[in-house]
Amino acid sequence: MLLHKEVMQKVEFTNRLKEELRGLSYKDVIFVCIGTDKVSGDSFGTFVGSYLKEYGFTNVVGDLEETVNNQNIRDIIKELPRNKKIIAIDATLGNLKDRGKLLVSKGSVVAGASV
């Protein structure tokens, strides 16, 4: 039963993400991957950014070599093109029931807000 639930969560996530990106091309999107590898619980974004770059994505800001974190995110945001859809990828501390889930939501990211 657990496997079925996990598959359904992935399908829901994929469908939600596809809906958010409907009508956009690759050139319309920038991935902003937030975090640091210095704290294991905050490294998700930086690893995803590195993986995206390894797979050939060029529209990525933030990876293991050049992190986006609460100290530089405001400056980075100022430099992002305004005509692009920003997809922020970040780890969060949250409810135990959400552990291991990928969540999609519209809105802004507030660095450090989950702490």
N, C-alpha and C. Protein backbone atom coordinates (compact mmCIF):
# COMPACT_ATOMS: atom_id res chain seq x y z
N MET A 1 0.82 -1.20 0.00
CA MET A 1 0.00 0.00 0.00
C MET A 1 0.86 1.26 0.00
N LEU A 2 1.98 1.24 0.73
CA LEU A 2 2.86 2.41 0.80
C LEU A 2 3.41 2.75 -0.58
N LEU A 3 3.79 1.74 -1.33
CA LEU A 3 4.32 1.98 -2.67
C LEU A 3 3.30 2.69 -3.54
N HIS A 4 2.05 2.25 -3.49
CA HIS A 4 0.99 2.89 -4.25
C HIS A 4 0.84 4.36 -3.84
N LYS A 5 0.90 4.65 -2.55
CA LYS A 5 0.78 6.02 -2.05
C LYS A 5 1.93 6.89 -2.56
N GLU A 6 3.15 6.35 -2.54
CA GLU A 6 4.32 7.10 -3.03
C GLU A 6 4.19 7.38 -4.52
N VAL A 7 3.74 6.41 -5.28
CA VAL A 7 3.56 6.61 -6.72
C VAL A 7 2.51 7.68 -6.96
N MET A 8 1.43 7.65 -6.23
CA MET A 8 0.37 8.65 -6.40
C MET A 8 0.87 10.05 -6.04
N GLN A 9 1.71 10.16 -5.00
CA GLN A 9 2.27 11.46 -4.64
C GLN A 9 3.16 12.00 -5.75
N LYS A 10 3.95 11.12 -6.36
CA LYS A 10 4.81 11.54 -7.46
C LYS A 10 3.99 11.97 -8.67
N VAL A 11 2.92 11.26 -8.94
CA VAL A 11 2.03 11.62 -10.05
C VAL A 11 1.39 12.98 -9.76
N GLU A 12 0.91 13.19 -8.55
CA GLU A 12 0.31 14.47 -8.18
C GLU A 12 1.33 15.60 -8.32
N PHE A 13 2.55 15.38 -7.85
CA PHE A 13 3.61 16.38 -7.96
C PHE A 13 3.89 16.72 -9.41
N THR A 14 4.05 15.68 -10.23
CA THR A 14 4.34 15.87 -11.64
C THR A 14 3.22 16.63 -12.34
N ASN A 15 1.99 16.25 -12.07
CA ASN A 15 0.85 16.94 -12.68
C ASN A 15 0.79 18.40 -12.25
N ARG A 16 1.02 18.66 -10.99
CA ARG A 16 1.00 20.05 -10.49
C ARG A 16 2.09 20.88 -11.13
N LEU A 17 3.28 20.31 -11.23
CA LEU A 17 4.39 21.03 -11.84
C LEU A 17 4.13 21.29 -13.32
N LYS A 18 3.61 20.28 -14.03
CA LYS A 18 3.28 20.46 -15.44
C LYS A 18 2.24 21.57 -15.63
N GLU A 19 1.27 21.62 -14.75
CA GLU A 19 0.24 22.67 -14.83
C GLU A 19 0.86 24.05 -14.63
N GLU A 20 1.76 24.18 -13.69
CA GLU A 20 2.42 25.46 -13.43
C GLU A 20 3.28 25.91 -14.61
N LEU A 21 3.83 24.97 -15.35
CA LEU A 21 4.76 25.28 -16.44
C LEU A 21 4.10 25.25 -17.81
N ARG A 22 2.80 24.99 -17.85
CA ARG A 22 2.09 24.89 -19.13
C ARG A 22 2.31 26.16 -19.97
N GLY A 23 2.67 25.96 -21.22
CA GLY A 23 2.84 27.07 -22.14
C GLY A 23 4.22 27.72 -22.10
N LEU A 24 5.08 27.27 -21.20
CA LEU A 24 6.42 27.85 -21.11
C LEU A 24 7.42 26.97 -21.86
N SER A 25 8.43 27.60 -22.42
CA SER A 25 9.52 26.83 -23.02
C SER A 25 10.69 26.84 -22.04
N TYR A 26 11.67 26.02 -22.33
CA TYR A 26 12.88 25.92 -21.52
C TYR A 26 13.52 27.30 -21.32
N LYS A 27 13.47 28.13 -22.34
CA LYS A 27 14.10 29.45 -22.29
C LYS A 27 13.37 30.42 -21.37
N ASP A 28 12.13 30.09 -20.98
CA ASP A 28 11.33 30.96 -20.13
C ASP A 28 11.56 30.74 -18.64
N VAL A 29 12.38 29.74 -18.29
CA VAL A 29 12.49 29.32 -16.90
C VAL A 29 13.92 29.47 -16.38
N ILE A 30 14.04 29.88 -15.11
CA ILE A 30 15.32 29.87 -14.40
C ILE A 30 15.11 29.09 -13.11
N PHE A 31 16.00 28.12 -12.86
CA PHE A 31 15.98 27.37 -11.61
C PHE A 31 16.91 28.05 -10.62
N VAL A 32 16.38 28.44 -9.47
CA VAL A 32 17.19 29.01 -8.40
C VAL A 32 17.24 27.96 -7.29
N CYS A 33 18.41 27.38 -7.11
CA CYS A 33 18.59 26.26 -6.18
C CYS A 33 19.26 26.77 -4.91
N ILE A 34 18.53 26.74 -3.83
CA ILE A 34 18.92 27.41 -2.59
C ILE A 34 19.42 26.40 -1.56
N GLY A 35 20.48 26.77 -0.87
CA GLY A 35 20.98 25.94 0.22
C GLY A 35 22.48 25.95 0.31
N THR A 36 22.99 25.12 1.19
CA THR A 36 24.43 24.98 1.37
C THR A 36 24.75 23.53 1.70
N ASP A 37 25.88 23.06 1.22
CA ASP A 37 26.28 21.69 1.54
C ASP A 37 26.97 21.61 2.90
N LYS A 38 27.13 22.75 3.57
CA LYS A 38 27.76 22.77 4.88
C LYS A 38 26.80 22.30 5.98
N VAL A 39 25.52 22.27 5.67
CA VAL A 39 24.50 21.78 6.61
C VAL A 39 23.71 20.71 5.86
N SER A 40 23.80 19.46 6.32
CA SER A 40 23.21 18.36 5.55
C SER A 40 21.71 18.56 5.30
N GLY A 41 20.98 19.10 6.25
CA GLY A 41 19.55 19.30 6.08
C GLY A 41 19.20 20.43 5.13
N ASP A 42 20.18 21.21 4.73
CA ASP A 42 19.94 22.36 3.85
C ASP A 42 20.62 22.20 2.50
N SER A 43 21.00 20.98 2.17
CA SER A 43 21.79 20.78 0.95
C SER A 43 20.98 20.36 -0.26
N PHE A 44 19.69 20.15 -0.11
CA PHE A 44 18.87 19.64 -1.21
C PHE A 44 18.97 20.53 -2.45
N GLY A 45 18.77 21.83 -2.30
CA GLY A 45 18.79 22.73 -3.44
C GLY A 45 20.12 22.74 -4.17
N THR A 46 21.22 22.75 -3.41
CA THR A 46 22.53 22.80 -4.05
C THR A 46 22.83 21.52 -4.83
N PHE A 47 22.40 20.37 -4.29
CA PHE A 47 22.60 19.12 -5.01
C PHE A 47 21.75 19.09 -6.28
N VAL A 48 20.51 19.53 -6.18
CA VAL A 48 19.65 19.57 -7.37
C VAL A 48 20.26 20.49 -8.42
N GLY A 49 20.74 21.66 -8.01
CA GLY A 49 21.38 22.58 -8.95
C GLY A 49 22.57 21.94 -9.66
N SER A 50 23.40 21.23 -8.90
CA SER A 50 24.55 20.55 -9.50
C SER A 50 24.10 19.46 -10.47
N TYR A 51 23.08 18.69 -10.09
CA TYR A 51 22.56 17.65 -10.98
C TYR A 51 22.00 18.26 -12.26
N LEU A 52 21.24 19.34 -12.13
CA LEU A 52 20.68 19.98 -13.32
C LEU A 52 21.80 20.44 -14.27
N LYS A 53 22.85 21.01 -13.71
CA LYS A 53 23.97 21.45 -14.54
C LYS A 53 24.67 20.26 -15.18
N GLU A 54 24.82 19.16 -14.44
CA GLU A 54 25.42 17.94 -15.01
C GLU A 54 24.61 17.42 -16.19
N TYR A 55 23.29 17.58 -16.13
CA TYR A 55 22.41 17.11 -17.20
C TYR A 55 22.33 18.12 -18.35
N GLY A 56 23.08 19.21 -18.26
CA GLY A 56 23.16 20.15 -19.37
C GLY A 56 22.28 21.38 -19.27
N PHE A 57 21.57 21.55 -18.17
CA PHE A 57 20.77 22.75 -18.01
C PHE A 57 21.69 23.95 -17.79
N THR A 58 21.45 25.01 -18.51
CA THR A 58 22.28 26.22 -18.38
C THR A 58 21.56 27.33 -17.62
N ASN A 59 20.28 27.16 -17.39
CA ASN A 59 19.47 28.18 -16.74
C ASN A 59 19.33 27.88 -15.24
N VAL A 60 20.46 27.63 -14.58
CA VAL A 60 20.48 27.25 -13.17
C VAL A 60 21.34 28.24 -12.40
N VAL A 61 20.81 28.73 -11.30
CA VAL A 61 21.56 29.57 -10.38
C VAL A 61 21.61 28.83 -9.05
N GLY A 62 22.80 28.53 -8.57
CA GLY A 62 22.97 27.83 -7.31
C GLY A 62 23.31 26.37 -7.51
N ASP A 63 24.47 25.98 -6.98
CA ASP A 63 24.91 24.59 -7.01
C ASP A 63 25.93 24.40 -5.91
N LEU A 64 26.63 23.28 -5.90
CA LEU A 64 27.60 23.01 -4.84
C LEU A 64 28.79 23.96 -4.87
N GLU A 65 29.11 24.48 -6.04
CA GLU A 65 30.27 25.38 -6.15
C GLU A 65 29.90 26.83 -5.84
N GLU A 66 28.74 27.26 -6.26
CA GLU A 66 28.28 28.64 -6.03
C GLU A 66 26.89 28.59 -5.43
N THR A 67 26.83 28.64 -4.11
CA THR A 67 25.55 28.46 -3.43
C THR A 67 24.73 29.75 -3.41
N VAL A 68 23.44 29.56 -3.33
CA VAL A 68 22.49 30.64 -3.08
C VAL A 68 22.00 30.41 -1.66
N ASN A 69 22.19 31.40 -0.80
CA ASN A 69 21.82 31.24 0.60
C ASN A 69 21.23 32.54 1.15
N ASN A 70 20.89 32.53 2.43
CA ASN A 70 20.22 33.70 3.00
C ASN A 70 21.12 34.94 3.02
N GLN A 71 22.42 34.79 2.82
CA GLN A 71 23.31 35.95 2.81
C GLN A 71 23.43 36.60 1.44
N ASN A 72 23.19 35.85 0.36
CA ASN A 72 23.37 36.43 -0.97
C ASN A 72 22.11 36.40 -1.83
N ILE A 73 21.03 35.84 -1.31
CA ILE A 73 19.85 35.63 -2.16
C ILE A 73 19.24 36.95 -2.63
N ARG A 74 19.25 37.98 -1.80
CA ARG A 74 18.66 39.26 -2.23
C ARG A 74 19.41 39.86 -3.42
N ASP A 75 20.73 39.78 -3.38
CA ASP A 75 21.53 40.28 -4.51
C ASP A 75 21.30 39.45 -5.76
N ILE A 76 21.18 38.15 -5.60
CA ILE A 76 20.95 37.27 -6.75
C ILE A 76 19.59 37.55 -7.36
N ILE A 77 18.58 37.72 -6.53
CA ILE A 77 17.23 38.00 -7.03
C ILE A 77 17.22 39.28 -7.86
N LYS A 78 17.95 40.29 -7.41
CA LYS A 78 18.01 41.56 -8.15
C LYS A 78 18.57 41.38 -9.55
N GLU A 79 19.43 40.39 -9.74
CA GLU A 79 20.08 40.15 -11.03
C GLU A 79 19.28 39.25 -11.97
N LEU A 80 18.24 38.61 -11.46
CA LEU A 80 17.46 37.71 -12.31
C LEU A 80 16.60 38.49 -13.30
N PRO A 81 16.50 38.00 -14.53
CA PRO A 81 15.64 38.66 -15.52
C PRO A 81 14.19 38.64 -15.07
N ARG A 82 13.49 39.71 -15.25
CA ARG A 82 12.10 39.83 -14.80
C ARG A 82 11.12 39.12 -15.73
N ASN A 83 11.55 38.77 -16.92
CA ASN A 83 10.63 38.15 -17.88
C ASN A 83 10.70 36.61 -17.85
N LYS A 84 11.26 36.05 -16.80
CA LYS A 84 11.39 34.59 -16.68
C LYS A 84 10.54 34.07 -15.54
N LYS A 85 10.14 32.81 -15.65
CA LYS A 85 9.46 32.10 -14.56
C LYS A 85 10.57 31.54 -13.66
N ILE A 86 10.52 31.86 -12.40
CA ILE A 86 11.54 31.41 -11.45
C ILE A 86 11.01 30.17 -10.73
N ILE A 87 11.79 29.11 -10.77
CA ILE A 87 11.47 27.92 -10.00
C ILE A 87 12.52 27.81 -8.92
N ALA A 88 12.11 28.05 -7.68
CA ALA A 88 13.01 27.94 -6.54
C ALA A 88 12.97 26.53 -5.99
N ILE A 89 14.14 25.98 -5.74
CA ILE A 89 14.24 24.63 -5.19
C ILE A 89 15.00 24.76 -3.87
N ASP A 90 14.34 24.34 -2.79
CA ASP A 90 14.91 24.54 -1.47
C ASP A 90 14.44 23.42 -0.55
N ALA A 91 15.23 23.14 0.46
CA ALA A 91 14.82 22.22 1.51
C ALA A 91 14.09 23.05 2.57
N THR A 92 13.30 22.38 3.38
CA THR A 92 12.61 23.11 4.44
C THR A 92 12.45 22.22 5.66
N LEU A 93 12.43 22.85 6.80
CA LEU A 93 12.02 22.15 8.02
C LEU A 93 10.54 22.37 8.12
N GLY A 94 9.83 21.33 8.42
CA GLY A 94 8.38 21.48 8.45
C GLY A 94 7.72 20.39 9.26
N ASN A 95 6.50 20.12 8.94
CA ASN A 95 5.74 19.10 9.64
C ASN A 95 6.27 17.71 9.34
N LEU A 96 6.25 16.86 10.33
CA LEU A 96 6.71 15.49 10.16
C LEU A 96 5.93 14.77 9.06
N LYS A 97 4.64 15.09 8.93
CA LYS A 97 3.81 14.44 7.92
C LYS A 97 4.26 14.78 6.50
N ASP A 98 5.00 15.87 6.32
CA ASP A 98 5.47 16.28 5.00
C ASP A 98 6.88 15.78 4.69
N ARG A 99 7.50 15.08 5.62
CA ARG A 99 8.88 14.63 5.42
C ARG A 99 8.96 13.71 4.22
N GLY A 100 9.93 13.97 3.36
CA GLY A 100 10.13 13.15 2.17
C GLY A 100 9.27 13.53 0.99
N LYS A 101 8.46 14.57 1.14
CA LYS A 101 7.58 14.98 0.05
C LYS A 101 8.20 16.12 -0.75
N LEU A 102 7.82 16.18 -1.99
CA LEU A 102 8.13 17.32 -2.84
C LEU A 102 6.86 18.14 -2.95
N LEU A 103 6.94 19.39 -2.59
CA LEU A 103 5.77 20.26 -2.58
C LEU A 103 5.92 21.35 -3.63
N VAL A 104 4.84 21.65 -4.30
CA VAL A 104 4.82 22.71 -5.30
C VAL A 104 3.85 23.78 -4.81
N SER A 105 4.29 25.02 -4.83
CA SER A 105 3.38 26.10 -4.45
C SER A 105 3.79 27.38 -5.16
N LYS A 106 2.82 28.25 -5.36
CA LYS A 106 3.09 29.56 -5.94
C LYS A 106 3.43 30.51 -4.80
N GLY A 107 4.24 31.50 -5.11
CA GLY A 107 4.58 32.50 -4.10
C GLY A 107 6.07 32.66 -3.97
N SER A 108 6.47 33.37 -2.96
CA SER A 108 7.88 33.66 -2.80
C SER A 108 8.48 32.78 -1.70
N VAL A 109 9.79 32.63 -1.76
CA VAL A 109 10.53 31.91 -0.77
C VAL A 109 11.12 32.93 0.20
N VAL A 110 11.01 32.64 1.49
CA VAL A 110 11.61 33.51 2.50
C VAL A 110 12.72 32.70 3.15
N ALA A 111 13.97 33.08 2.87
CA ALA A 111 15.11 32.33 3.41
C ALA A 111 15.08 32.32 4.93
N GLY A 112 15.24 31.14 5.51
CA GLY A 112 15.27 31.00 6.96
C GLY A 112 13.91 31.00 7.63
N ALA A 113 12.85 31.11 6.88
CA ALA A 113 11.51 31.21 7.47
C ALA A 113 11.07 29.93 8.16
N SER A 114 11.56 28.80 7.71
CA SER A 114 11.11 27.54 8.30
C SER A 114 11.73 27.31 9.68
N VAL A 115 12.80 27.99 9.98
CA VAL A 115 13.44 27.86 11.29
C VAL A 115 12.77 28.80 12.22
